[in-house]
Every structure is written in C-alpha cells, then in structure tokens.
Amino acid sequence: MSEKKSTRRELLRPLHLLGIALAAGVFAAVVTLVSTGAFTARVNNAIASGTYQGLTPVGLGLVVGGGAFIVTLLIMSMLILAVDPREYQEKTLDRPVLFDEESDGTPSSDAKSQGSAGAEPSAS
C-alpha cells in the first residue's frame, strides 16, 4: 500500500488562508486608525493630557482589525468546506464549481416554469 505524500502546496494552504485573513485585518485596522485621526496632533495631545474620552484610536483599530481577521478567517474556512478538493483535483474546470452540472449557471426548466412566488403568469 503506497500512501500519497502531501505536497508542499497542500501543506502551506492553511498558512495562505491565515495570510489573507491577516492582510484583511491589517487593512481594516489601518483604515480605522486613519479615519479616527490617530495620526493627528490634536488626538495625540488629548490622549497624552488624559482628556480623550472613550476608546483610543489605537485600541479601536486593534478591535476592528481583530474582528476583521476572525470574520475573514471564518468565512474563508466555511467556503473551503463547501467543496471537496479531491473531486476536482485532476479535472480542468471551465465553470464555477458549485453550479449544477446540467444547468451550467442557467436556470433549470423547473425554475422557469414555476416562476417567482406571487408573480402573475404572463399572457402569451
């Protein structure tokens, strides 16, 4: 019995997902920092003198960036669970993976005949 060894690409796939999620989190944190004025003298002086009320821009940026990291990682992992990669490993794909094979993205004849709920049938 010969077991197939995992390729380097298969082993690094989780690292790629973490990298994409990290990039999304850093982007969200930077946008939050810029939009809250974290780099302005007025905000920095208020923080230094202790008159700034509420969460500091850096703290808010960390919260938003961490939330974006977690949400991005969760969404990507759920999307990966939707498809079995072994099923499509050796095939050349010319259509989206999650579409039905017989329809290839076009509505089926059943969907055309049923129409949308509440719509009146057209008089042809």
N, C-alpha and C. Protein backbone atom coordinates (compact mmCIF):
# COMPACT_ATOMS: atom_id res chain seq x y z
N MET A 1 0.84 -1.18 0.00
CA MET A 1 0.00 0.00 0.00
C MET A 1 0.88 1.24 0.00
N SER A 2 0.72 2.03 -1.01
CA SER A 2 1.51 3.26 -1.08
C SER A 2 0.61 4.44 -0.72
N GLU A 3 1.06 5.19 0.26
CA GLU A 3 0.33 6.38 0.66
C GLU A 3 0.88 7.57 -0.10
N LYS A 4 -0.02 8.42 -0.56
CA LYS A 4 0.39 9.60 -1.30
C LYS A 4 0.89 10.65 -0.31
N LYS A 5 2.10 11.15 -0.54
CA LYS A 5 2.65 12.19 0.33
C LYS A 5 2.01 13.52 -0.02
N SER A 6 1.77 14.31 1.00
CA SER A 6 1.22 15.65 0.78
C SER A 6 2.27 16.52 0.11
N THR A 7 1.81 17.32 -0.82
CA THR A 7 2.73 18.23 -1.49
C THR A 7 2.95 19.46 -0.61
N ARG A 8 3.97 20.19 -0.94
CA ARG A 8 4.27 21.41 -0.19
C ARG A 8 3.12 22.41 -0.29
N ARG A 9 2.50 22.47 -1.46
CA ARG A 9 1.38 23.39 -1.66
C ARG A 9 0.21 23.03 -0.75
N GLU A 10 -0.09 21.74 -0.61
CA GLU A 10 -1.18 21.31 0.27
C GLU A 10 -0.87 21.61 1.72
N LEU A 11 0.39 21.47 2.11
CA LEU A 11 0.78 21.73 3.49
C LEU A 11 0.73 23.22 3.84
N LEU A 12 0.99 24.09 2.87
CA LEU A 12 1.03 25.52 3.13
C LEU A 12 -0.32 26.21 2.92
N ARG A 13 -1.35 25.49 2.50
CA ARG A 13 -2.65 26.10 2.25
C ARG A 13 -3.20 26.80 3.48
N PRO A 14 -3.15 26.20 4.69
CA PRO A 14 -3.65 26.93 5.86
C PRO A 14 -2.87 28.22 6.14
N LEU A 15 -1.59 28.20 5.84
CA LEU A 15 -0.78 29.41 6.04
C LEU A 15 -1.21 30.51 5.07
N HIS A 16 -1.58 30.14 3.86
CA HIS A 16 -2.08 31.12 2.89
C HIS A 16 -3.37 31.74 3.39
N LEU A 17 -4.27 30.92 3.94
CA LEU A 17 -5.53 31.44 4.45
C LEU A 17 -5.30 32.39 5.62
N LEU A 18 -4.37 32.04 6.50
CA LEU A 18 -4.05 32.93 7.61
C LEU A 18 -3.45 34.24 7.10
N GLY A 19 -2.64 34.16 6.06
CA GLY A 19 -2.05 35.37 5.49
C GLY A 19 -3.09 36.30 4.88
N ILE A 20 -4.05 35.73 4.18
CA ILE A 20 -5.12 36.55 3.59
C ILE A 20 -5.96 37.19 4.69
N ALA A 21 -6.28 36.42 5.73
CA ALA A 21 -7.06 36.96 6.84
C ALA A 21 -6.26 38.04 7.58
N LEU A 22 -4.97 37.83 7.74
CA LEU A 22 -4.13 38.82 8.40
C LEU A 22 -4.07 40.11 7.58
N ALA A 23 -3.97 39.99 6.28
CA ALA A 23 -3.95 41.17 5.42
C ALA A 23 -5.27 41.94 5.53
N ALA A 24 -6.39 41.23 5.58
CA ALA A 24 -7.69 41.89 5.74
C ALA A 24 -7.78 42.59 7.09
N GLY A 25 -7.27 41.95 8.14
CA GLY A 25 -7.29 42.56 9.47
C GLY A 25 -6.41 43.79 9.56
N VAL A 26 -5.23 43.73 8.98
CA VAL A 26 -4.33 44.89 8.99
C VAL A 26 -4.93 46.03 8.18
N PHE A 27 -5.54 45.72 7.05
CA PHE A 27 -6.18 46.75 6.24
C PHE A 27 -7.30 47.44 7.03
N ALA A 28 -8.13 46.65 7.70
CA ALA A 28 -9.23 47.23 8.48
C ALA A 28 -8.69 48.08 9.63
N ALA A 29 -7.61 47.63 10.26
CA ALA A 29 -7.02 48.40 11.36
C ALA A 29 -6.44 49.72 10.86
N VAL A 30 -5.76 49.70 9.73
CA VAL A 30 -5.17 50.93 9.18
C VAL A 30 -6.27 51.91 8.77
N VAL A 31 -7.32 51.42 8.14
CA VAL A 31 -8.43 52.30 7.75
C VAL A 31 -9.07 52.91 9.00
N THR A 32 -9.22 52.13 10.05
CA THR A 32 -9.79 52.64 11.30
C THR A 32 -8.88 53.70 11.92
N LEU A 33 -7.58 53.44 11.94
CA LEU A 33 -6.64 54.42 12.50
C LEU A 33 -6.68 55.73 11.73
N VAL A 34 -6.70 55.65 10.42
CA VAL A 34 -6.70 56.87 9.61
C VAL A 34 -8.03 57.62 9.77
N SER A 35 -9.13 56.89 9.82
CA SER A 35 -10.43 57.56 9.90
C SER A 35 -10.73 58.13 11.28
N THR A 36 -10.10 57.62 12.33
CA THR A 36 -10.30 58.18 13.66
C THR A 36 -9.31 59.28 14.00
N GLY A 37 -8.38 59.57 13.12
CA GLY A 37 -7.42 60.64 13.34
C GLY A 37 -6.31 60.27 14.30
N ALA A 38 -5.88 59.03 14.29
CA ALA A 38 -4.85 58.59 15.23
C ALA A 38 -3.51 59.24 14.97
N PHE A 39 -3.30 59.77 13.80
CA PHE A 39 -2.01 60.35 13.44
C PHE A 39 -2.03 61.88 13.49
N THR A 40 -3.09 62.47 14.07
CA THR A 40 -3.18 63.92 14.15
C THR A 40 -2.66 64.40 15.50
N ALA A 41 -2.15 65.61 15.52
CA ALA A 41 -1.60 66.17 16.76
C ALA A 41 -2.70 66.42 17.79
N ARG A 42 -3.89 66.81 17.34
CA ARG A 42 -4.99 67.09 18.26
C ARG A 42 -5.37 65.86 19.07
N VAL A 43 -5.52 64.73 18.40
CA VAL A 43 -5.90 63.49 19.08
C VAL A 43 -4.76 63.02 19.98
N ASN A 44 -3.53 63.07 19.51
CA ASN A 44 -2.39 62.63 20.32
C ASN A 44 -2.19 63.50 21.55
N ASN A 45 -2.41 64.82 21.43
CA ASN A 45 -2.31 65.71 22.58
C ASN A 45 -3.42 65.42 23.60
N ALA A 46 -4.63 65.13 23.12
CA ALA A 46 -5.75 64.81 24.02
C ALA A 46 -5.48 63.50 24.76
N ILE A 47 -4.89 62.53 24.09
CA ILE A 47 -4.57 61.26 24.74
C ILE A 47 -3.46 61.47 25.77
N ALA A 48 -2.45 62.27 25.43
CA ALA A 48 -1.32 62.50 26.34
C ALA A 48 -1.74 63.27 27.58
N SER A 49 -2.67 64.21 27.43
CA SER A 49 -3.10 65.01 28.58
C SER A 49 -4.19 64.32 29.39
N GLY A 50 -4.73 63.23 28.88
CA GLY A 50 -5.74 62.48 29.62
C GLY A 50 -7.15 63.00 29.44
N THR A 51 -7.38 63.90 28.48
CA THR A 51 -8.72 64.43 28.26
C THR A 51 -9.48 63.69 27.18
N TYR A 52 -8.86 62.73 26.54
CA TYR A 52 -9.53 61.96 25.49
C TYR A 52 -10.50 60.99 26.15
N GLN A 53 -11.76 61.06 25.74
CA GLN A 53 -12.77 60.19 26.34
C GLN A 53 -13.07 59.03 25.40
N GLY A 54 -13.25 57.87 25.98
CA GLY A 54 -13.58 56.70 25.18
C GLY A 54 -12.37 55.89 24.81
N LEU A 55 -12.58 54.97 23.91
CA LEU A 55 -11.54 54.07 23.45
C LEU A 55 -10.58 54.83 22.55
N THR A 56 -9.29 54.68 22.78
CA THR A 56 -8.31 55.38 21.95
C THR A 56 -8.34 54.83 20.53
N PRO A 57 -7.91 55.62 19.56
CA PRO A 57 -7.90 55.14 18.18
C PRO A 57 -7.08 53.86 17.98
N VAL A 58 -5.98 53.72 18.71
CA VAL A 58 -5.16 52.51 18.58
C VAL A 58 -5.93 51.30 19.12
N GLY A 59 -6.59 51.46 20.25
CA GLY A 59 -7.40 50.37 20.80
C GLY A 59 -8.55 50.00 19.88
N LEU A 60 -9.21 51.02 19.32
CA LEU A 60 -10.31 50.76 18.39
C LEU A 60 -9.79 50.07 17.12
N GLY A 61 -8.62 50.50 16.64
CA GLY A 61 -8.03 49.87 15.46
C GLY A 61 -7.71 48.40 15.72
N LEU A 62 -7.21 48.09 16.92
CA LEU A 62 -6.92 46.69 17.26
C LEU A 62 -8.19 45.86 17.33
N VAL A 63 -9.25 46.42 17.89
CA VAL A 63 -10.52 45.69 17.97
C VAL A 63 -11.10 45.44 16.58
N VAL A 64 -11.13 46.47 15.75
CA VAL A 64 -11.69 46.32 14.40
C VAL A 64 -10.82 45.38 13.56
N GLY A 65 -9.50 45.52 13.66
CA GLY A 65 -8.61 44.64 12.90
C GLY A 65 -8.73 43.19 13.34
N GLY A 66 -8.82 42.95 14.65
CA GLY A 66 -9.00 41.58 15.14
C GLY A 66 -10.33 41.00 14.71
N GLY A 67 -11.37 41.81 14.74
CA GLY A 67 -12.68 41.34 14.28
C GLY A 67 -12.67 41.00 12.80
N ALA A 68 -12.03 41.84 12.00
CA ALA A 68 -11.94 41.57 10.56
C ALA A 68 -11.13 40.31 10.30
N PHE A 69 -10.05 40.10 11.06
CA PHE A 69 -9.24 38.89 10.91
C PHE A 69 -10.09 37.64 11.20
N ILE A 70 -10.82 37.64 12.30
CA ILE A 70 -11.61 36.48 12.68
C ILE A 70 -12.74 36.22 11.68
N VAL A 71 -13.44 37.28 11.28
CA VAL A 71 -14.56 37.11 10.34
C VAL A 71 -14.05 36.62 8.99
N THR A 72 -12.95 37.16 8.50
CA THR A 72 -12.39 36.73 7.22
C THR A 72 -11.96 35.27 7.28
N LEU A 73 -11.30 34.89 8.35
CA LEU A 73 -10.86 33.50 8.51
C LEU A 73 -12.05 32.55 8.58
N LEU A 74 -13.09 32.94 9.29
CA LEU A 74 -14.28 32.10 9.41
C LEU A 74 -14.99 31.94 8.07
N ILE A 75 -15.16 33.03 7.34
CA ILE A 75 -15.85 32.96 6.04
C ILE A 75 -15.06 32.12 5.05
N MET A 76 -13.74 32.31 4.98
CA MET A 76 -12.94 31.53 4.04
C MET A 76 -12.93 30.05 4.38
N SER A 77 -12.87 29.72 5.67
CA SER A 77 -12.87 28.31 6.04
C SER A 77 -14.22 27.67 5.74
N MET A 78 -15.31 28.39 5.91
CA MET A 78 -16.63 27.84 5.58
C MET A 78 -16.77 27.64 4.07
N LEU A 79 -16.20 28.55 3.29
CA LEU A 79 -16.25 28.38 1.83
C LEU A 79 -15.41 27.19 1.38
N ILE A 80 -14.30 26.93 2.04
CA ILE A 80 -13.47 25.79 1.68
C ILE A 80 -14.19 24.48 2.02
N LEU A 81 -14.96 24.47 3.09
CA LEU A 81 -15.70 23.26 3.46
C LEU A 81 -16.80 22.92 2.48
N ALA A 82 -17.21 23.87 1.65
CA ALA A 82 -18.30 23.64 0.72
C ALA A 82 -17.89 22.74 -0.44
N VAL A 83 -16.60 22.61 -0.73
CA VAL A 83 -16.14 21.86 -1.89
C VAL A 83 -15.09 20.85 -1.45
N ASP A 84 -15.19 19.63 -1.97
CA ASP A 84 -14.18 18.61 -1.72
C ASP A 84 -13.10 18.75 -2.79
N PRO A 85 -11.88 19.15 -2.44
CA PRO A 85 -10.86 19.40 -3.46
C PRO A 85 -10.43 18.15 -4.21
N ARG A 86 -10.54 16.97 -3.59
CA ARG A 86 -10.15 15.74 -4.27
C ARG A 86 -11.04 15.46 -5.47
N GLU A 87 -12.26 15.95 -5.42
CA GLU A 87 -13.21 15.72 -6.50
C GLU A 87 -12.81 16.47 -7.78
N TYR A 88 -12.10 17.58 -7.63
CA TYR A 88 -11.75 18.42 -8.77
C TYR A 88 -10.25 18.50 -9.00
N GLN A 89 -9.49 17.61 -8.39
CA GLN A 89 -8.04 17.71 -8.43
C GLN A 89 -7.46 17.50 -9.83
N GLU A 90 -7.96 16.55 -10.58
CA GLU A 90 -7.38 16.20 -11.87
C GLU A 90 -8.18 16.74 -13.05
N LYS A 91 -9.30 17.42 -12.80
CA LYS A 91 -10.16 17.91 -13.87
C LYS A 91 -9.77 19.33 -14.27
N THR A 92 -10.02 19.65 -15.53
CA THR A 92 -9.90 21.02 -15.99
C THR A 92 -11.28 21.65 -15.88
N LEU A 93 -11.37 22.73 -15.12
CA LEU A 93 -12.66 23.34 -14.85
C LEU A 93 -12.88 24.53 -15.77
N ASP A 94 -14.05 24.58 -16.41
CA ASP A 94 -14.40 25.71 -17.25
C ASP A 94 -15.69 26.37 -16.78
N ARG A 95 -16.11 26.05 -15.56
CA ARG A 95 -17.32 26.64 -14.99
C ARG A 95 -17.12 26.73 -13.48
N PRO A 96 -17.94 27.53 -12.79
CA PRO A 96 -17.84 27.57 -11.33
C PRO A 96 -18.14 26.21 -10.71
N VAL A 97 -17.48 25.89 -9.62
CA VAL A 97 -17.54 24.57 -9.03
C VAL A 97 -18.90 24.27 -8.42
N LEU A 98 -19.55 25.24 -7.82
CA LEU A 98 -20.78 24.99 -7.07
C LEU A 98 -22.04 25.03 -7.93
N PHE A 99 -21.93 25.29 -9.24
CA PHE A 99 -23.11 25.24 -10.10
C PHE A 99 -23.46 23.80 -10.42
N ASP A 100 -24.74 23.55 -10.70
CA ASP A 100 -25.18 22.22 -11.11
C ASP A 100 -24.56 21.89 -12.46
N GLU A 101 -24.27 20.61 -12.66
CA GLU A 101 -23.61 20.22 -13.90
C GLU A 101 -24.52 20.38 -15.12
N GLU A 102 -25.82 20.06 -14.96
CA GLU A 102 -26.69 20.12 -16.13
C GLU A 102 -27.08 21.55 -16.49
N SER A 103 -27.07 22.46 -15.53
CA SER A 103 -27.55 23.80 -15.84
C SER A 103 -26.44 24.76 -16.24
N ASP A 104 -25.23 24.58 -15.72
CA ASP A 104 -24.09 25.46 -16.02
C ASP A 104 -24.43 26.93 -15.81
N GLY A 105 -25.17 27.23 -14.75
CA GLY A 105 -25.43 28.60 -14.39
C GLY A 105 -26.73 29.16 -14.91
N THR A 106 -27.37 28.47 -15.81
CA THR A 106 -28.66 28.95 -16.31
C THR A 106 -29.77 28.30 -15.50
N PRO A 107 -30.88 28.99 -15.30
CA PRO A 107 -31.97 28.40 -14.53
C PRO A 107 -32.51 27.15 -15.21
N SER A 108 -32.88 26.17 -14.38
CA SER A 108 -33.41 24.92 -14.94
C SER A 108 -34.81 25.15 -15.47
N SER A 109 -35.32 24.18 -16.23
CA SER A 109 -36.66 24.31 -16.80
C SER A 109 -37.72 24.33 -15.71
N ASP A 110 -37.47 23.65 -14.57
CA ASP A 110 -38.41 23.68 -13.46
C ASP A 110 -38.51 25.09 -12.88
N ALA A 111 -37.37 25.76 -12.73
CA ALA A 111 -37.37 27.11 -12.18
C ALA A 111 -38.04 28.08 -13.12
N LYS A 112 -37.90 27.88 -14.44
CA LYS A 112 -38.55 28.75 -15.41
C LYS A 112 -40.06 28.58 -15.38
N SER A 113 -40.52 27.33 -15.24
CA SER A 113 -41.95 27.08 -15.27
C SER A 113 -42.64 27.51 -13.99
N GLN A 114 -41.93 27.45 -12.84
CA GLN A 114 -42.53 27.84 -11.58
C GLN A 114 -42.61 29.34 -11.43
N GLY A 115 -41.62 30.05 -11.93
CA GLY A 115 -41.61 31.50 -11.80
C GLY A 115 -41.36 31.89 -10.36
N SER A 116 -41.47 33.18 -10.08
CA SER A 116 -41.28 33.62 -8.70
C SER A 116 -42.61 33.61 -7.98
N ALA A 117 -42.51 33.48 -6.65
CA ALA A 117 -43.71 33.41 -5.84
C ALA A 117 -44.44 34.75 -5.90
N GLY A 118 -45.74 34.71 -6.15
CA GLY A 118 -46.54 35.93 -6.16
C GLY A 118 -46.57 36.61 -7.50
N ALA A 119 -45.80 36.16 -8.46
CA ALA A 119 -45.80 36.79 -9.77
C ALA A 119 -46.95 36.22 -10.60
N GLU A 120 -47.58 37.10 -11.35
CA GLU A 120 -48.67 36.64 -12.20
C GLU A 120 -48.11 36.01 -13.46
N PRO A 121 -48.74 34.94 -13.95
CA PRO A 121 -48.25 34.34 -15.20
C PRO A 121 -48.49 35.31 -16.36
N SER A 122 -47.54 35.32 -17.25
CA SER A 122 -47.67 36.22 -18.40
C SER A 122 -48.61 35.63 -19.42
N ALA A 123 -49.39 36.49 -20.06
CA ALA A 123 -50.33 36.04 -21.08
C ALA A 123 -49.62 36.08 -22.40
N SER A 124 -49.24 34.92 -22.94
CA SER A 124 -48.54 34.88 -24.22
C SER A 124 -49.49 34.48 -25.30
